C-alpha atoms as a PDB file:
ATOM      1  CA  UNK A   1      11.230 -14.766  26.587  1.00  0.00           C
ATOM      2  CA  UNK A   2      11.223 -12.985  23.209  1.00  0.00           C
ATOM      3  CA  UNK A   3       8.034 -11.252  22.194  1.00  0.00           C
ATOM      4  CA  UNK A   4       6.499 -12.702  19.027  1.00  0.00           C
ATOM      5  CA  UNK A   5       6.227 -10.122  16.251  1.00  0.00           C
ATOM      6  CA  UNK A   6       2.886 -10.285  14.437  1.00  0.00           C
ATOM      7  CA  UNK A   7       3.084 -11.301  10.793  1.00  0.00           C
ATOM      8  CA  UNK A   8       2.364  -8.346   8.533  1.00  0.00           C
ATOM      9  CA  UNK A   9       2.534  -7.409   4.872  1.00  0.00           C
ATOM     10  CA  UNK A  10       4.196  -4.053   4.287  1.00  0.00           C
ATOM     11  CA  UNK A  11       2.959  -1.958   1.369  1.00  0.00           C
ATOM     12  CA  UNK A  12       5.196   0.189  -0.802  1.00  0.00           C
ATOM     13  CA  UNK A  13       4.114   3.211   1.219  1.00  0.00           C
ATOM     14  CA  UNK A  14       5.037   1.505   4.484  1.00  0.00           C
ATOM     15  CA  UNK A  15       1.599   0.565   5.782  1.00  0.00           C
ATOM     16  CA  UNK A  16       1.638  -2.684   7.742  1.00  0.00           C
ATOM     17  CA  UNK A  17      -1.288  -4.990   7.134  1.00  0.00           C
ATOM     18  CA  UNK A  18      -1.674  -7.589   9.860  1.00  0.00           C
ATOM     19  CA  UNK A  19      -2.138 -11.044   8.435  1.00  0.00           C
ATOM     20  CA  UNK A  20      -2.982 -12.865  11.651  1.00  0.00           C
ATOM     21  CA  UNK A  21      -6.613 -11.728  11.557  1.00  0.00           C
ATOM     22  CA  UNK A  22      -7.358 -12.844   8.017  1.00  0.00           C
ATOM     23  CA  UNK A  23     -10.269 -15.230   7.551  1.00  0.00           C
ATOM     24  CA  UNK A  24      -9.811 -18.651   5.945  1.00  0.00           C
ATOM     25  CA  UNK A  25     -11.398 -17.277   2.752  1.00  0.00           C
ATOM     26  CA  UNK A  26      -8.925 -14.356   2.689  1.00  0.00           C
ATOM     27  CA  UNK A  27      -5.968 -16.664   3.321  1.00  0.00           C
ATOM     28  CA  UNK A  28      -7.074 -19.073   0.594  1.00  0.00           C
ATOM     29  CA  UNK A  29      -7.486 -16.187  -1.842  1.00  0.00           C
ATOM     30  CA  UNK A  30      -4.011 -14.868  -0.963  1.00  0.00           C
ATOM     31  CA  UNK A  31      -2.555 -18.310  -1.678  1.00  0.00           C
ATOM     32  CA  UNK A  32      -4.071 -18.210  -5.174  1.00  0.00           C
ATOM     33  CA  UNK A  33      -2.787 -14.658  -5.626  1.00  0.00           C
ATOM     34  CA  UNK A  34       0.696 -15.748  -4.603  1.00  0.00           C
ATOM     35  CA  UNK A  35       0.739 -18.523  -7.205  1.00  0.00           C
ATOM     36  CA  UNK A  36      -0.385 -16.139  -9.957  1.00  0.00           C
ATOM     37  CA  UNK A  37       1.979 -13.376  -8.809  1.00  0.00           C
ATOM     38  CA  UNK A  38       4.918 -15.769  -8.879  1.00  0.00           C
ATOM     39  CA  UNK A  39       4.308 -16.149 -12.618  1.00  0.00           C
ATOM     40  CA  UNK A  40       5.073 -12.427 -13.057  1.00  0.00           C
ATOM     41  CA  UNK A  41       2.257 -11.796 -15.484  1.00  0.00           C
ATOM     42  CA  UNK A  42       2.112  -8.598 -17.434  1.00  0.00           C
ATOM     43  CA  UNK A  43       0.862  -5.864 -15.101  1.00  0.00           C
ATOM     44  CA  UNK A  44      -2.583  -5.316 -16.638  1.00  0.00           C
ATOM     45  CA  UNK A  45      -3.235  -9.069 -16.961  1.00  0.00           C
ATOM     46  CA  UNK A  46      -2.496  -9.568 -13.265  1.00  0.00           C
ATOM     47  CA  UNK A  47      -4.719  -6.591 -12.400  1.00  0.00           C
ATOM     48  CA  UNK A  48      -7.611  -7.957 -14.441  1.00  0.00           C
ATOM     49  CA  UNK A  49      -7.165 -11.462 -13.008  1.00  0.00           C
ATOM     50  CA  UNK A  50      -7.099 -10.513  -9.335  1.00  0.00           C
ATOM     51  CA  UNK A  51     -10.053  -8.119  -9.683  1.00  0.00           C
ATOM     52  CA  UNK A  52     -12.233 -10.797 -11.291  1.00  0.00           C
ATOM     53  CA  UNK A  53     -11.172 -13.428  -8.765  1.00  0.00           C
ATOM     54  CA  UNK A  54     -11.637 -11.050  -5.847  1.00  0.00           C
ATOM     55  CA  UNK A  55     -15.177 -10.258  -6.980  1.00  0.00           C
ATOM     56  CA  UNK A  56     -15.902 -13.981  -7.293  1.00  0.00           C
ATOM     57  CA  UNK A  57     -14.914 -14.587  -3.676  1.00  0.00           C
ATOM     58  CA  UNK A  58     -17.502 -12.113  -2.430  1.00  0.00           C
ATOM     59  CA  UNK A  59     -14.943 -10.401  -0.181  1.00  0.00           C
ATOM     60  CA  UNK A  60     -15.421  -6.731   0.625  1.00  0.00           C
ATOM     61  CA  UNK A  61     -13.120  -4.054  -0.752  1.00  0.00           C
ATOM     62  CA  UNK A  62     -12.576  -3.216   2.931  1.00  0.00           C
ATOM     63  CA  UNK A  63     -10.746  -6.544   3.308  1.00  0.00           C
ATOM     64  CA  UNK A  64      -6.990  -6.138   3.893  1.00  0.00           C
ATOM     65  CA  UNK A  65      -6.503  -8.572   1.015  1.00  0.00           C
ATOM     66  CA  UNK A  66      -7.893  -5.946  -1.386  1.00  0.00           C
ATOM     67  CA  UNK A  67      -5.185  -3.464  -0.335  1.00  0.00           C
ATOM     68  CA  UNK A  68      -2.505  -6.166  -0.611  1.00  0.00           C
ATOM     69  CA  UNK A  69      -3.606  -6.969  -4.169  1.00  0.00           C
ATOM     70  CA  UNK A  70      -3.563  -3.273  -5.107  1.00  0.00           C
ATOM     71  CA  UNK A  71      -0.028  -3.086  -3.747  1.00  0.00           C
ATOM     72  CA  UNK A  72       1.095  -6.184  -5.659  1.00  0.00           C
ATOM     73  CA  UNK A  73      -0.399  -4.767  -8.843  1.00  0.00           C
ATOM     74  CA  UNK A  74       1.447  -1.473  -8.334  1.00  0.00           C
ATOM     75  CA  UNK A  75       4.740  -3.285  -7.751  1.00  0.00           C
ATOM     76  CA  UNK A  76       4.368  -5.200 -11.010  1.00  0.00           C
ATOM     77  CA  UNK A  77       3.556  -1.993 -12.857  1.00  0.00           C
ATOM     78  CA  UNK A  78       6.584  -0.246 -11.373  1.00  0.00           C
ATOM     79  CA  UNK A  79       8.840  -3.229 -12.123  1.00  0.00           C
ATOM     80  CA  UNK A  80       7.628  -3.330 -15.744  1.00  0.00           C
ATOM     81  CA  UNK A  81       8.058   0.426 -16.208  1.00  0.00           C
ATOM     82  CA  UNK A  82       4.324   1.026 -16.661  1.00  0.00           C
ATOM     83  CA  UNK A  83       3.630   2.789 -13.355  1.00  0.00           C
ATOM     84  CA  UNK A  84       5.540   5.554 -11.607  1.00  0.00           C
ATOM     85  CA  UNK A  85       7.027   4.684  -8.226  1.00  0.00           C
ATOM     86  CA  UNK A  86       5.302   6.301  -5.262  1.00  0.00           C
ATOM     87  CA  UNK A  87       6.183   9.898  -4.458  1.00  0.00           C
ATOM     88  CA  UNK A  88       5.597  11.892  -1.307  1.00  0.00           C
ATOM     89  CA  UNK A  89       1.925  12.351  -2.200  1.00  0.00           C
ATOM     90  CA  UNK A  90       1.321   8.606  -2.082  1.00  0.00           C
ATOM     91  CA  UNK A  91       2.978   8.319   1.317  1.00  0.00           C
ATOM     92  CA  UNK A  92       0.978  11.263   2.675  1.00  0.00           C
ATOM     93  CA  UNK A  93      -2.299   9.929   1.294  1.00  0.00           C
ATOM     94  CA  UNK A  94      -1.695   6.557   2.913  1.00  0.00           C
ATOM     95  CA  UNK A  95      -0.816   8.116   6.279  1.00  0.00           C
ATOM     96  CA  UNK A  96      -3.871  10.372   6.174  1.00  0.00           C
ATOM     97  CA  UNK A  97      -6.124   7.465   5.268  1.00  0.00           C
ATOM     98  CA  UNK A  98      -4.744   5.192   7.983  1.00  0.00           C
ATOM     99  CA  UNK A  99      -4.819   7.837  10.733  1.00  0.00           C
ATOM    100  CA  UNK A 100      -7.913   9.879   9.846  1.00  0.00           C
ATOM    101  CA  UNK A 101      -9.998   7.667   7.560  1.00  0.00           C
ATOM    102  CA  UNK A 102     -10.390  10.322   4.878  1.00  0.00           C
ATOM    103  CA  UNK A 103      -8.825  13.514   3.576  1.00  0.00           C
ATOM    104  CA  UNK A 104     -11.942  15.423   4.588  1.00  0.00           C
ATOM    105  CA  UNK A 105     -11.624  14.231   8.199  1.00  0.00           C
ATOM    106  CA  UNK A 106      -7.931  15.143   8.145  1.00  0.00           C
ATOM    107  CA  UNK A 107      -8.641  18.680   6.905  1.00  0.00           C
ATOM    108  CA  UNK A 108     -11.434  19.214   9.448  1.00  0.00           C
ATOM    109  CA  UNK A 109      -9.279  17.987  12.321  1.00  0.00           C
ATOM    110  CA  UNK A 110      -6.148  19.915  11.366  1.00  0.00           C
ATOM    111  CA  UNK A 111      -7.244  23.085   9.597  1.00  0.00           C
ATOM    112  CA  UNK A 112      -5.361  22.174   6.424  1.00  0.00           C
ATOM    113  CA  UNK A 113      -7.087  23.754   3.414  1.00  0.00           C
ATOM    114  CA  UNK A 114      -8.965  20.979   1.580  1.00  0.00           C
ATOM    115  CA  UNK A 115      -8.639  22.748  -1.769  1.00  0.00           C
ATOM    116  CA  UNK A 116      -4.868  22.983  -1.427  1.00  0.00           C
ATOM    117  CA  UNK A 117      -4.620  19.352  -0.341  1.00  0.00           C
ATOM    118  CA  UNK A 118      -6.768  18.319  -3.312  1.00  0.00           C
ATOM    119  CA  UNK A 119      -4.502  20.234  -5.710  1.00  0.00           C
ATOM    120  CA  UNK A 120      -1.433  18.600  -4.142  1.00  0.00           C
ATOM    121  CA  UNK A 121      -2.845  15.087  -4.550  1.00  0.00           C
ATOM    122  CA  UNK A 122      -3.908  15.876  -8.116  1.00  0.00           C
ATOM    123  CA  UNK A 123      -0.316  16.886  -8.888  1.00  0.00           C
ATOM    124  CA  UNK A 124      -1.268  20.501  -9.675  1.00  0.00           C
ATOM    125  CA  UNK A 125       0.493  21.948  -6.630  1.00  0.00           C
ATOM    126  CA  UNK A 126       3.036  21.124  -3.974  1.00  0.00           C
ATOM    127  CA  UNK A 127       3.021  21.812  -0.278  1.00  0.00           C
ATOM    128  CA  UNK A 128       5.340  24.580   0.860  1.00  0.00           C
ATOM    129  CA  UNK A 129       8.096  23.419   3.170  1.00  0.00           C
ATOM    130  CA  UNK A 130       6.300  25.059   6.103  1.00  0.00           C
ATOM    131  CA  UNK A 131       2.988  23.353   5.230  1.00  0.00           C
ATOM    132  CA  UNK A 132       4.739  20.019   4.711  1.00  0.00           C
ATOM    133  CA  UNK A 133       6.409  20.328   8.122  1.00  0.00           C
ATOM    134  CA  UNK A 134       3.020  21.039   9.724  1.00  0.00           C
ATOM    135  CA  UNK A 135       1.401  18.039   8.021  1.00  0.00           C
ATOM    136  CA  UNK A 136       4.302  15.760   8.970  1.00  0.00           C
ATOM    137  CA  UNK A 137       4.081  16.923  12.582  1.00  0.00           C
ATOM    138  CA  UNK A 138       0.335  16.231  12.693  1.00  0.00           C
ATOM    139  CA  UNK A 139       0.875  12.767  11.178  1.00  0.00           C
ATOM    140  CA  UNK A 140       3.828  12.112  13.484  1.00  0.00           C
ATOM    141  CA  UNK A 141       5.887  11.346  10.395  1.00  0.00           C
ATOM    142  CA  UNK A 142       9.218  12.427   9.038  1.00  0.00           C
ATOM    143  CA  UNK A 143      10.703  13.074   5.645  1.00  0.00           C
ATOM    144  CA  UNK A 144      13.217  10.446   4.540  1.00  0.00           C
ATOM    145  CA  UNK A 145      15.533  10.952   1.609  1.00  0.00           C
ATOM    146  CA  UNK A 146      16.786   7.851  -0.119  1.00  0.00           C
ATOM    147  CA  UNK A 147      18.565   6.914  -3.329  1.00  0.00           C
ATOM    148  CA  UNK A 148      16.666   5.584  -6.333  1.00  0.00           C
ATOM    149  CA  UNK A 149      18.235   2.176  -5.747  1.00  0.00           C
ATOM    150  CA  UNK A 150      16.951   2.142  -2.167  1.00  0.00           C
ATOM    151  CA  UNK A 151      13.486   3.142  -3.363  1.00  0.00           C
ATOM    152  CA  UNK A 152      13.580   0.476  -6.078  1.00  0.00           C
ATOM    153  CA  UNK A 153      14.450  -2.186  -3.498  1.00  0.00           C
ATOM    154  CA  UNK A 154      11.585  -1.038  -1.280  1.00  0.00           C
ATOM    155  CA  UNK A 155       9.073  -1.419  -4.124  1.00  0.00           C
ATOM    156  CA  UNK A 156      10.525  -4.629  -5.534  1.00  0.00           C
ATOM    157  CA  UNK A 157       8.374  -7.492  -6.745  1.00  0.00           C
ATOM    158  CA  UNK A 158      10.719  -9.925  -5.012  1.00  0.00           C
ATOM    159  CA  UNK A 159      10.206  -8.283  -1.624  1.00  0.00           C
ATOM    160  CA  UNK A 160       6.439  -8.560  -2.014  1.00  0.00           C
ATOM    161  CA  UNK A 161       6.724 -12.164  -3.152  1.00  0.00           C
ATOM    162  CA  UNK A 162       8.739 -13.036  -0.039  1.00  0.00           C
ATOM    163  CA  UNK A 163       6.130 -11.391   2.202  1.00  0.00           C
ATOM    164  CA  UNK A 164       3.337 -13.247   0.404  1.00  0.00           C
ATOM    165  CA  UNK A 165       5.167 -16.547   0.788  1.00  0.00           C
ATOM    166  CA  UNK A 166       5.477 -16.007   4.539  1.00  0.00           C
ATOM    167  CA  UNK A 167       1.816 -15.065   4.788  1.00  0.00           C
ATOM    168  CA  UNK A 168       0.566 -18.050   2.852  1.00  0.00           C
ATOM    169  CA  UNK A 169       2.881 -20.486   4.684  1.00  0.00           C
ATOM    170  CA  UNK A 170       1.528 -19.315   8.017  1.00  0.00           C
ATOM    171  CA  UNK A 171      -2.001 -19.618   6.655  1.00  0.00           C
ATOM    172  CA  UNK A 172      -1.630 -23.317   6.006  1.00  0.00           C
END
């Protein structure tokens, strides 16, 4: 018998957000988000709308739905040329957050210099190849090189819309 794969939303940085554990309130909110997102509003209008609606629901910013909405907003911004696509810093930040909870915890656990990491995330410095290899090893991650077209497909609005449709169908 085939093992059932849990339904998940995948962010532009590759984080999987399980949808099976969402509350009824979260699922209902996601359904409303999907309807609005389908209209492909201008990026800042969508951002303002979902933030107001999210606050109205009383959900916590720790809710997975909050992260999904941030991701949807970023995809619209990228699609409309208003936001830069993610770079390696975004992927690293997401991995650090998901595995360690914070950059401070990551630095304490690994010995990576917090000042250097801060400068990297602020865009004022880059990791040396040796330092990047160390960080990737700690995070059990690897560097992947892809074309711009592949990256564009990975961050597409359509891909997110398809994932939202699956999530909201299963929520019904």
